[in-house]
Amino acid sequence: IIDRYVAREVLGPFAVDVGLLTFALVTGKLLKLMDMVVNH
């Protein structure tokens, strides 16, 4: 019980944070990627 409970409390924010942080890193490349779409 306690293992599942603590793991759920950690895994929930972890999954959200992986998505948000990865999106933030990809956003840094979006301008160059959009330049490839528009100009190349």
PDB file of all heavy atoms in Angstrom:
ATOM      1  N   ILE A   1       0.825  -1.207   0.000  1.00  0.00           N
ATOM      2  CA  ILE A   1       0.000   0.000   0.000  1.00  0.00           C
ATOM      3  C   ILE A   1       0.860   1.257   0.000  1.00  0.00           C
ATOM      4  O   ILE A   1       0.687   2.144  -0.834  1.00  0.00           O
ATOM      5  CB  ILE A   1      -0.949   0.008   1.217  1.00  0.00           C
ATOM      6  CG1 ILE A   1      -1.937  -1.154   1.121  1.00  0.00           C
ATOM      7  CG2 ILE A   1      -1.693   1.335   1.313  1.00  0.00           C
ATOM      8  CD1 ILE A   1      -2.855  -1.278   2.309  1.00  0.00           C
ATOM      9  N   ILE A   2       1.791   1.335   0.918  1.00  0.00           N
ATOM     10  CA  ILE A   2       2.579   2.568   1.027  1.00  0.00           C
ATOM     11  C   ILE A   2       3.503   2.733  -0.167  1.00  0.00           C
ATOM     12  O   ILE A   2       3.753   3.854  -0.632  1.00  0.00           O
ATOM     13  CB  ILE A   2       3.371   2.579   2.360  1.00  0.00           C
ATOM     14  CG1 ILE A   2       3.891   4.003   2.611  1.00  0.00           C
ATOM     15  CG2 ILE A   2       4.526   1.578   2.339  1.00  0.00           C
ATOM     16  CD1 ILE A   2       4.453   4.194   4.001  1.00  0.00           C
ATOM     17  N   ASP A   3       4.026   1.623  -0.709  1.00  0.00           N
ATOM     18  CA  ASP A   3       4.891   1.723  -1.879  1.00  0.00           C
ATOM     19  C   ASP A   3       4.127   2.244  -3.098  1.00  0.00           C
ATOM     20  O   ASP A   3       4.602   3.125  -3.816  1.00  0.00           O
ATOM     21  CB  ASP A   3       5.506   0.362  -2.196  1.00  0.00           C
ATOM     22  CG  ASP A   3       6.683   0.051  -1.278  1.00  0.00           C
ATOM     23  OD1 ASP A   3       7.045   0.922  -0.475  1.00  0.00           O
ATOM     24  OD2 ASP A   3       7.230  -1.062  -1.370  1.00  0.00           O
ATOM     25  N   ARG A   4       2.942   1.677  -3.310  1.00  0.00           N
ATOM     26  CA  ARG A   4       2.142   2.132  -4.450  1.00  0.00           C
ATOM     27  C   ARG A   4       1.737   3.584  -4.274  1.00  0.00           C
ATOM     28  O   ARG A   4       1.722   4.350  -5.243  1.00  0.00           O
ATOM     29  CB  ARG A   4       0.906   1.237  -4.621  1.00  0.00           C
ATOM     30  CG  ARG A   4       1.199  -0.149  -5.152  1.00  0.00           C
ATOM     31  CD  ARG A   4      -0.077  -0.790  -5.689  1.00  0.00           C
ATOM     32  NE  ARG A   4      -1.083  -0.927  -4.640  1.00  0.00           N
ATOM     33  CZ  ARG A   4      -1.245  -2.012  -3.893  1.00  0.00           C
ATOM     34  NH1 ARG A   4      -0.436  -3.056  -4.070  1.00  0.00           N
ATOM     35  NH2 ARG A   4      -2.178  -2.073  -2.968  1.00  0.00           N
ATOM     36  N   TYR A   5       1.391   3.955  -3.069  1.00  0.00           N
ATOM     37  CA  TYR A   5       0.928   5.319  -2.818  1.00  0.00           C
ATOM     38  C   TYR A   5       2.048   6.328  -3.061  1.00  0.00           C
ATOM     39  O   TYR A   5       1.862   7.331  -3.766  1.00  0.00           O
ATOM     40  CB  TYR A   5       0.422   5.435  -1.378  1.00  0.00           C
ATOM     41  CG  TYR A   5      -0.163   6.797  -1.046  1.00  0.00           C
ATOM     42  CD1 TYR A   5      -1.433   7.145  -1.470  1.00  0.00           C
ATOM     43  CD2 TYR A   5       0.581   7.733  -0.329  1.00  0.00           C
ATOM     44  CE1 TYR A   5      -1.964   8.391  -1.180  1.00  0.00           C
ATOM     45  CE2 TYR A   5       0.059   8.981  -0.036  1.00  0.00           C
ATOM     46  CZ  TYR A   5      -1.210   9.310  -0.463  1.00  0.00           C
ATOM     47  OH  TYR A   5      -1.732  10.545  -0.181  1.00  0.00           O
ATOM     48  N   VAL A   6       3.218   6.086  -2.479  1.00  0.00           N
ATOM     49  CA  VAL A   6       4.351   7.011  -2.653  1.00  0.00           C
ATOM     50  C   VAL A   6       4.797   7.044  -4.110  1.00  0.00           C
ATOM     51  O   VAL A   6       5.090   8.116  -4.657  1.00  0.00           O
ATOM     52  CB  VAL A   6       5.520   6.605  -1.730  1.00  0.00           C
ATOM     53  CG1 VAL A   6       6.745   7.457  -2.023  1.00  0.00           C
ATOM     54  CG2 VAL A   6       5.122   6.746  -0.271  1.00  0.00           C
ATOM     55  N   ALA A   7       4.816   5.877  -4.760  1.00  0.00           N
ATOM     56  CA  ALA A   7       5.234   5.835  -6.172  1.00  0.00           C
ATOM     57  C   ALA A   7       4.279   6.640  -7.044  1.00  0.00           C
ATOM     58  O   ALA A   7       4.714   7.356  -7.955  1.00  0.00           O
ATOM     59  CB  ALA A   7       5.305   4.386  -6.654  1.00  0.00           C
ATOM     60  N   ARG A   8       2.961   6.531  -6.778  1.00  0.00           N
ATOM     61  CA  ARG A   8       1.996   7.320  -7.555  1.00  0.00           C
ATOM     62  C   ARG A   8       2.199   8.814  -7.353  1.00  0.00           C
ATOM     63  O   ARG A   8       2.094   9.595  -8.295  1.00  0.00           O
ATOM     64  CB  ARG A   8       0.564   6.922  -7.177  1.00  0.00           C
ATOM     65  CG  ARG A   8       0.068   5.638  -7.792  1.00  0.00           C
ATOM     66  CD  ARG A   8      -1.457   5.567  -7.725  1.00  0.00           C
ATOM     67  NE  ARG A   8      -1.941   5.682  -6.356  1.00  0.00           N
ATOM     68  CZ  ARG A   8      -2.170   4.654  -5.549  1.00  0.00           C
ATOM     69  NH1 ARG A   8      -1.943   3.426  -5.967  1.00  0.00           N
ATOM     70  NH2 ARG A   8      -2.618   4.844  -4.317  1.00  0.00           N
ATOM     71  N   GLU A   9       2.467   9.208  -6.114  1.00  0.00           N
ATOM     72  CA  GLU A   9       2.682  10.629  -5.824  1.00  0.00           C
ATOM     73  C   GLU A   9       3.899  11.181  -6.558  1.00  0.00           C
ATOM     74  O   GLU A   9       3.954  12.372  -6.881  1.00  0.00           O
ATOM     75  CB  GLU A   9       2.841  10.840  -4.319  1.00  0.00           C
ATOM     76  CG  GLU A   9       1.578  10.602  -3.517  1.00  0.00           C
ATOM     77  CD  GLU A   9       0.486  11.601  -3.866  1.00  0.00           C
ATOM     78  OE1 GLU A   9       0.809  12.780  -4.098  1.00  0.00           O
ATOM     79  OE2 GLU A   9      -0.692  11.202  -3.901  1.00  0.00           O
ATOM     80  N   VAL A  10       4.879  10.339  -6.814  1.00  0.00           N
ATOM     81  CA  VAL A  10       6.105  10.776  -7.508  1.00  0.00           C
ATOM     82  C   VAL A  10       5.965  10.658  -9.019  1.00  0.00           C
ATOM     83  O   VAL A  10       6.392  11.544  -9.769  1.00  0.00           O
ATOM     84  CB  VAL A  10       7.313   9.957  -7.007  1.00  0.00           C
ATOM     85  CG1 VAL A  10       8.550  10.250  -7.847  1.00  0.00           C
ATOM     86  CG2 VAL A  10       7.581  10.251  -5.536  1.00  0.00           C
ATOM     87  N   LEU A  11       5.358   9.560  -9.476  1.00  0.00           N
ATOM     88  CA  LEU A  11       5.272   9.318 -10.917  1.00  0.00           C
ATOM     89  C   LEU A  11       4.363  10.313 -11.626  1.00  0.00           C
ATOM     90  O   LEU A  11       4.608  10.663 -12.790  1.00  0.00           O
ATOM     91  CB  LEU A  11       4.778   7.889 -11.177  1.00  0.00           C
ATOM     92  CG  LEU A  11       5.815   6.782 -10.962  1.00  0.00           C
ATOM     93  CD1 LEU A  11       5.158   5.413 -11.087  1.00  0.00           C
ATOM     94  CD2 LEU A  11       6.940   6.914 -11.982  1.00  0.00           C
ATOM     95  N   GLY A  12       3.296  10.760 -10.945  1.00  0.00           N
ATOM     96  CA  GLY A  12       2.392  11.731 -11.575  1.00  0.00           C
ATOM     97  C   GLY A  12       3.107  13.006 -11.976  1.00  0.00           C
ATOM     98  O   GLY A  12       3.137  13.364 -13.168  1.00  0.00           O
ATOM     99  N   PRO A  13       3.724  13.733 -11.023  1.00  0.00           N
ATOM    100  CA  PRO A  13       4.468  14.938 -11.397  1.00  0.00           C
ATOM    101  C   PRO A  13       5.632  14.644 -12.333  1.00  0.00           C
ATOM    102  O   PRO A  13       5.953  15.458 -13.201  1.00  0.00           O
ATOM    103  CB  PRO A  13       4.967  15.482 -10.054  1.00  0.00           C
ATOM    104  CG  PRO A  13       4.068  14.891  -9.029  1.00  0.00           C
ATOM    105  CD  PRO A  13       3.667  13.557  -9.565  1.00  0.00           C
ATOM    106  N   PHE A  14       6.262  13.478 -12.175  1.00  0.00           N
ATOM    107  CA  PHE A  14       7.396  13.126 -13.039  1.00  0.00           C
ATOM    108  C   PHE A  14       6.968  13.064 -14.505  1.00  0.00           C
ATOM    109  O   PHE A  14       7.639  13.619 -15.382  1.00  0.00           O
ATOM    110  CB  PHE A  14       7.983  11.783 -12.604  1.00  0.00           C
ATOM    111  CG  PHE A  14       8.935  11.183 -13.598  1.00  0.00           C
ATOM    112  CD1 PHE A  14      10.223  11.676 -13.727  1.00  0.00           C
ATOM    113  CD2 PHE A  14       8.542  10.137 -14.424  1.00  0.00           C
ATOM    114  CE1 PHE A  14      11.109  11.129 -14.648  1.00  0.00           C
ATOM    115  CE2 PHE A  14       9.406   9.590 -15.348  1.00  0.00           C
ATOM    116  CZ  PHE A  14      10.696  10.084 -15.463  1.00  0.00           C
ATOM    117  N   ALA A  15       5.853  12.399 -14.786  1.00  0.00           N
ATOM    118  CA  ALA A  15       5.383  12.280 -16.171  1.00  0.00           C
ATOM    119  C   ALA A  15       5.039  13.648 -16.753  1.00  0.00           C
ATOM    120  O   ALA A  15       5.377  13.952 -17.912  1.00  0.00           O
ATOM    121  CB  ALA A  15       4.172  11.356 -16.229  1.00  0.00           C
ATOM    122  N   VAL A  16       4.363  14.485 -15.956  1.00  0.00           N
ATOM    123  CA  VAL A  16       4.036  15.839 -16.434  1.00  0.00           C
ATOM    124  C   VAL A  16       5.298  16.647 -16.685  1.00  0.00           C
ATOM    125  O   VAL A  16       5.416  17.349 -17.703  1.00  0.00           O
ATOM    126  CB  VAL A  16       3.118  16.544 -15.409  1.00  0.00           C
ATOM    127  CG1 VAL A  16       2.879  17.987 -15.836  1.00  0.00           C
ATOM    128  CG2 VAL A  16       1.791  15.803 -15.274  1.00  0.00           C
ATOM    129  N   ASP A  17       6.263  16.551 -15.786  1.00  0.00           N
ATOM    130  CA  ASP A  17       7.493  17.333 -15.911  1.00  0.00           C
ATOM    131  C   ASP A  17       8.318  16.892 -17.111  1.00  0.00           C
ATOM    132  O   ASP A  17       8.946  17.724 -17.770  1.00  0.00           O
ATOM    133  CB  ASP A  17       8.332  17.213 -14.639  1.00  0.00           C
ATOM    134  CG  ASP A  17       7.634  17.820 -13.435  1.00  0.00           C
ATOM    135  OD1 ASP A  17       6.813  18.730 -13.646  1.00  0.00           O
ATOM    136  OD2 ASP A  17       7.892  17.385 -12.301  1.00  0.00           O
ATOM    137  N   VAL A  18       8.329  15.600 -17.408  1.00  0.00           N
ATOM    138  CA  VAL A  18       9.053  15.124 -18.594  1.00  0.00           C
ATOM    139  C   VAL A  18       8.479  15.783 -19.849  1.00  0.00           C
ATOM    140  O   VAL A  18       9.216  16.267 -20.722  1.00  0.00           O
ATOM    141  CB  VAL A  18       8.973  13.590 -18.714  1.00  0.00           C
ATOM    142  CG1 VAL A  18       9.441  13.134 -20.093  1.00  0.00           C
ATOM    143  CG2 VAL A  18       9.845  12.930 -17.658  1.00  0.00           C
ATOM    144  N   GLY A  19       7.145  15.825 -19.939  1.00  0.00           N
ATOM    145  CA  GLY A  19       6.517  16.458 -21.096  1.00  0.00           C
ATOM    146  C   GLY A  19       6.804  17.951 -21.182  1.00  0.00           C
ATOM    147  O   GLY A  19       7.149  18.457 -22.252  1.00  0.00           O
ATOM    148  N   LEU A  20       6.673  18.648 -20.057  1.00  0.00           N
ATOM    149  CA  LEU A  20       6.881  20.100 -20.062  1.00  0.00           C
ATOM    150  C   LEU A  20       8.334  20.462 -20.355  1.00  0.00           C
ATOM    151  O   LEU A  20       8.618  21.370 -21.154  1.00  0.00           O
ATOM    152  CB  LEU A  20       6.447  20.688 -18.720  1.00  0.00           C
ATOM    153  CG  LEU A  20       4.951  20.646 -18.412  1.00  0.00           C
ATOM    154  CD1 LEU A  20       4.675  21.198 -17.019  1.00  0.00           C
ATOM    155  CD2 LEU A  20       4.159  21.442 -19.456  1.00  0.00           C
ATOM    156  N   LEU A  21       9.271  19.772 -19.705  1.00  0.00           N
ATOM    157  CA  LEU A  21      10.684  20.093 -19.893  1.00  0.00           C
ATOM    158  C   LEU A  21      11.141  19.752 -21.309  1.00  0.00           C
ATOM    159  O   LEU A  21      11.914  20.504 -21.912  1.00  0.00           O
ATOM    160  CB  LEU A  21      11.525  19.343 -18.867  1.00  0.00           C
ATOM    161  CG  LEU A  21      11.314  19.749 -17.402  1.00  0.00           C
ATOM    162  CD1 LEU A  21      12.058  18.801 -16.465  1.00  0.00           C
ATOM    163  CD2 LEU A  21      11.776  21.185 -17.172  1.00  0.00           C
ATOM    164  N   THR A  22      10.676  18.630 -21.839  1.00  0.00           N
ATOM    165  CA  THR A  22      11.040  18.260 -23.209  1.00  0.00           C
ATOM    166  C   THR A  22      10.469  19.262 -24.203  1.00  0.00           C
ATOM    167  O   THR A  22      11.140  19.663 -25.163  1.00  0.00           O
ATOM    168  CB  THR A  22      10.535  16.848 -23.536  1.00  0.00           C
ATOM    169  OG1 THR A  22      11.048  15.922 -22.559  1.00  0.00           O
ATOM    170  CG2 THR A  22      10.995  16.420 -24.916  1.00  0.00           C
ATOM    171  N   PHE A  23       9.225  19.687 -23.967  1.00  0.00           N
ATOM    172  CA  PHE A  23       8.624  20.694 -24.846  1.00  0.00           C
ATOM    173  C   PHE A  23       9.406  22.006 -24.797  1.00  0.00           C
ATOM    174  O   PHE A  23       9.605  22.662 -25.822  1.00  0.00           O
ATOM    175  CB  PHE A  23       7.177  20.938 -24.437  1.00  0.00           C
ATOM    176  CG  PHE A  23       6.495  22.019 -25.236  1.00  0.00           C
ATOM    177  CD1 PHE A  23       6.057  21.772 -26.521  1.00  0.00           C
ATOM    178  CD2 PHE A  23       6.310  23.291 -24.702  1.00  0.00           C
ATOM    179  CE1 PHE A  23       5.436  22.772 -27.266  1.00  0.00           C
ATOM    180  CE2 PHE A  23       5.700  24.290 -25.430  1.00  0.00           C
ATOM    181  CZ  PHE A  23       5.257  24.033 -26.721  1.00  0.00           C
ATOM    182  N   ALA A  24       9.898  22.375 -23.600  1.00  0.00           N
ATOM    183  CA  ALA A  24      10.684  23.600 -23.468  1.00  0.00           C
ATOM    184  C   ALA A  24      11.981  23.508 -24.258  1.00  0.00           C
ATOM    185  O   ALA A  24      12.400  24.486 -24.905  1.00  0.00           O
ATOM    186  CB  ALA A  24      10.975  23.883 -21.996  1.00  0.00           C
ATOM    187  N   LEU A  25      12.633  22.346 -24.249  1.00  0.00           N
ATOM    188  CA  LEU A  25      13.871  22.174 -25.004  1.00  0.00           C
ATOM    189  C   LEU A  25      13.602  22.176 -26.509  1.00  0.00           C
ATOM    190  O   LEU A  25      14.364  22.760 -27.285  1.00  0.00           O
ATOM    191  CB  LEU A  25      14.563  20.878 -24.598  1.00  0.00           C
ATOM    192  CG  LEU A  25      15.147  20.845 -23.182  1.00  0.00           C
ATOM    193  CD1 LEU A  25      15.712  19.464 -22.883  1.00  0.00           C
ATOM    194  CD2 LEU A  25      16.225  21.905 -23.010  1.00  0.00           C
ATOM    195  N   VAL A  26      12.508  21.531 -26.914  1.00  0.00           N
ATOM    196  CA  VAL A  26      12.175  21.501 -28.349  1.00  0.00           C
ATOM    197  C   VAL A  26      11.821  22.897 -28.840  1.00  0.00           C
ATOM    198  O   VAL A  26      12.139  23.275 -29.975  1.00  0.00           O
ATOM    199  CB  VAL A  26      11.017  20.515 -28.607  1.00  0.00           C
ATOM    200  CG1 VAL A  26      10.527  20.620 -30.057  1.00  0.00           C
ATOM    201  CG2 VAL A  26      11.463  19.091 -28.309  1.00  0.00           C
ATOM    202  N   THR A  27      11.167  23.687 -27.977  1.00  0.00           N
ATOM    203  CA  THR A  27      10.790  25.051 -28.366  1.00  0.00           C
ATOM    204  C   THR A  27      12.016  25.867 -28.757  1.00  0.00           C
ATOM    205  O   THR A  27      11.945  26.723 -29.650  1.00  0.00           O
ATOM    206  CB  THR A  27      10.046  25.736 -27.206  1.00  0.00           C
ATOM    207  OG1 THR A  27       8.898  24.962 -26.862  1.00  0.00           O
ATOM    208  CG2 THR A  27       9.597  27.133 -27.606  1.00  0.00           C
ATOM    209  N   GLY A  28      13.155  25.600 -28.094  1.00  0.00           N
ATOM    210  CA  GLY A  28      14.376  26.325 -28.442  1.00  0.00           C
ATOM    211  C   GLY A  28      14.842  26.065 -29.864  1.00  0.00           C
ATOM    212  O   GLY A  28      15.592  26.866 -30.434  1.00  0.00           O
ATOM    213  N   LYS A  29      14.416  24.937 -30.453  1.00  0.00           N
ATOM    214  CA  LYS A  29      14.791  24.601 -31.830  1.00  0.00           C
ATOM    215  C   LYS A  29      13.709  24.968 -32.840  1.00  0.00           C
ATOM    216  O   LYS A  29      13.931  24.839 -34.048  1.00  0.00           O
ATOM    217  CB  LYS A  29      15.066  23.102 -31.931  1.00  0.00           C
ATOM    218  CG  LYS A  29      16.242  22.612 -31.094  1.00  0.00           C
ATOM    219  CD  LYS A  29      17.560  23.079 -31.658  1.00  0.00           C
ATOM    220  CE  LYS A  29      18.716  22.478 -30.874  1.00  0.00           C
ATOM    221  NZ  LYS A  29      20.022  22.947 -31.383  1.00  0.00           N
ATOM    222  N   LEU A  30      12.551  25.418 -32.362  1.00  0.00           N
ATOM    223  CA  LEU A  30      11.431  25.634 -33.277  1.00  0.00           C
ATOM    224  C   LEU A  30      11.717  26.698 -34.327  1.00  0.00           C
ATOM    225  O   LEU A  30      11.318  26.572 -35.481  1.00  0.00           O
ATOM    226  CB  LEU A  30      10.166  25.999 -32.483  1.00  0.00           C
ATOM    227  CG  LEU A  30       9.462  24.841 -31.775  1.00  0.00           C
ATOM    228  CD1 LEU A  30       8.226  25.331 -31.058  1.00  0.00           C
ATOM    229  CD2 LEU A  30       9.102  23.742 -32.769  1.00  0.00           C
ATOM    230  N   LEU A  31      12.399  27.785 -33.929  1.00  0.00           N
ATOM    231  CA  LEU A  31      12.690  28.844 -34.889  1.00  0.00           C
ATOM    232  C   LEU A  31      13.535  28.327 -36.042  1.00  0.00           C
ATOM    233  O   LEU A  31      13.276  28.624 -37.215  1.00  0.00           O
ATOM    234  CB  LEU A  31      13.383  30.010 -34.185  1.00  0.00           C
ATOM    235  CG  LEU A  31      12.512  30.826 -33.213  1.00  0.00           C
ATOM    236  CD1 LEU A  31      13.343  31.921 -32.557  1.00  0.00           C
ATOM    237  CD2 LEU A  31      11.319  31.435 -33.941  1.00  0.00           C
ATOM    238  N   LYS A  32      14.563  27.523 -35.715  1.00  0.00           N
ATOM    239  CA  LYS A  32      15.398  26.966 -36.777  1.00  0.00           C
ATOM    240  C   LYS A  32      14.627  25.954 -37.611  1.00  0.00           C
ATOM    241  O   LYS A  32      14.796  25.888 -38.833  1.00  0.00           O
ATOM    242  CB  LYS A  32      16.631  26.308 -36.166  1.00  0.00           C
ATOM    243  CG  LYS A  32      17.586  27.299 -35.515  1.00  0.00           C
ATOM    244  CD  LYS A  32      18.806  26.607 -34.952  1.00  0.00           C
ATOM    245  CE  LYS A  32      19.759  27.625 -34.322  1.00  0.00           C
ATOM    246  NZ  LYS A  32      20.971  26.974 -33.760  1.00  0.00           N
ATOM    247  N   LEU A  33      13.760  25.188 -36.958  1.00  0.00           N
ATOM    248  CA  LEU A  33      12.960  24.222 -37.698  1.00  0.00           C
ATOM    249  C   LEU A  33      11.960  24.918 -38.608  1.00  0.00           C
ATOM    250  O   LEU A  33      11.742  24.489 -39.757  1.00  0.00           O
ATOM    251  CB  LEU A  33      12.237  23.291 -36.726  1.00  0.00           C
ATOM    252  CG  LEU A  33      13.129  22.343 -35.918  1.00  0.00           C
ATOM    253  CD1 LEU A  33      12.302  21.601 -34.874  1.00  0.00           C
ATOM    254  CD2 LEU A  33      13.832  21.345 -36.825  1.00  0.00           C
ATOM    255  N   MET A  34      11.347  26.002 -38.134  1.00  0.00           N
ATOM    256  CA  MET A  34      10.416  26.746 -38.968  1.00  0.00           C
ATOM    257  C   MET A  34      11.146  27.424 -40.130  1.00  0.00           C
ATOM    258  O   MET A  34      10.592  27.577 -41.220  1.00  0.00           O
ATOM    259  CB  MET A  34       9.679  27.788 -38.132  1.00  0.00           C
ATOM    260  CG  MET A  34       8.653  27.195 -37.152  1.00  0.00           C
ATOM    261  SD  MET A  34       7.366  26.211 -37.983  1.00  0.00           S
ATOM    262  CE  MET A  34       7.951  24.526 -37.669  1.00  0.00           C
ATOM    263  N   ASP A  35      12.394  27.826 -39.886  1.00  0.00           N
ATOM    264  CA  ASP A  35      13.192  28.397 -40.976  1.00  0.00           C
ATOM    265  C   ASP A  35      13.415  27.358 -42.066  1.00  0.00           C
ATOM    266  O   ASP A  35      13.421  27.682 -43.256  1.00  0.00           O
ATOM    267  CB  ASP A  35      14.529  28.891 -40.421  1.00  0.00           C
ATOM    268  CG  ASP A  35      15.430  29.434 -41.517  1.00  0.00           C
ATOM    269  OD1 ASP A  35      15.130  30.531 -42.037  1.00  0.00           O
ATOM    270  OD2 ASP A  35      16.428  28.766 -41.871  1.00  0.00           O
ATOM    271  N   MET A  36      13.593  26.104 -41.673  1.00  0.00           N
ATOM    272  CA  MET A  36      13.758  25.041 -42.660  1.00  0.00           C
ATOM    273  C   MET A  36      12.484  24.862 -43.482  1.00  0.00           C
ATOM    274  O   MET A  36      12.532  24.574 -44.680  1.00  0.00           O
ATOM    275  CB  MET A  36      14.124  23.736 -41.961  1.00  0.00           C
ATOM    276  CG  MET A  36      15.471  23.763 -41.256  1.00  0.00           C
ATOM    277  SD  MET A  36      15.824  22.243 -40.363  1.00  0.00           S
ATOM    278  CE  MET A  36      16.032  21.095 -41.707  1.00  0.00           C
ATOM    279  N   VAL A  37      11.324  25.051 -42.834  1.00  0.00           N
ATOM    280  CA  VAL A  37      10.052  24.905 -43.546  1.00  0.00           C
ATOM    281  C   VAL A  37       9.836  26.060 -44.518  1.00  0.00           C
ATOM    282  O   VAL A  37       9.470  25.872 -45.681  1.00  0.00           O
ATOM    283  CB  VAL A  37       8.882  24.821 -42.541  1.00  0.00           C
ATOM    284  CG1 VAL A  37       7.540  24.829 -43.267  1.00  0.00           C
ATOM    285  CG2 VAL A  37       9.008  23.575 -41.683  1.00  0.00           C
ATOM    286  N   VAL A  38      10.101  27.297 -44.032  1.00  0.00           N
ATOM    287  CA  VAL A  38       9.788  28.489 -44.825  1.00  0.00           C
ATOM    288  C   VAL A  38      10.811  28.720 -45.933  1.00  0.00           C
ATOM    289  O   VAL A  38      10.450  28.987 -47.085  1.00  0.00           O
ATOM    290  CB  VAL A  38       9.692  29.731 -43.903  1.00  0.00           C
ATOM    291  CG1 VAL A  38       9.485  30.993 -44.733  1.00  0.00           C
ATOM    292  CG2 VAL A  38       8.566  29.558 -42.903  1.00  0.00           C
ATOM    293  N   ASN A  39      12.096  28.612 -45.585  1.00  0.00           N
ATOM    294  CA  ASN A  39      13.151  29.017 -46.524  1.00  0.00           C
ATOM    295  C   ASN A  39      13.806  27.868 -47.271  1.00  0.00           C
ATOM    296  O   ASN A  39      14.516  28.106 -48.248  1.00  0.00           O
ATOM    297  CB  ASN A  39      14.235  29.806 -45.784  1.00  0.00           C
ATOM    298  CG  ASN A  39      13.705  31.102 -45.192  1.00  0.00           C
ATOM    299  OD1 ASN A  39      12.850  31.758 -45.781  1.00  0.00           O
ATOM    300  ND2 ASN A  39      14.200  31.472 -44.020  1.00  0.00           N
ATOM    301  N   HIS A  40      13.616  26.632 -46.815  1.00  0.00           N
ATOM    302  CA  HIS A  40      14.306  25.516 -47.449  1.00  0.00           C
ATOM    303  C   HIS A  40      13.355  24.474 -48.019  1.00  0.00           C
ATOM    304  O   HIS A  40      13.797  23.416 -48.455  1.00  0.00           O
ATOM    305  CB  HIS A  40      15.252  24.858 -46.444  1.00  0.00           C
ATOM    306  CG  HIS A  40      16.337  25.768 -45.964  1.00  0.00           C
ATOM    307  ND1 HIS A  40      17.542  25.917 -46.614  1.00  0.00           N
ATOM    308  CD2 HIS A  40      16.391  26.609 -44.899  1.00  0.00           C
ATOM    309  CE1 HIS A  40      18.301  26.787 -45.961  1.00  0.00           C
ATOM    310  NE2 HIS A  40      17.612  27.220 -44.919  1.00  0.00           N
TER     311      HIS A  40
END
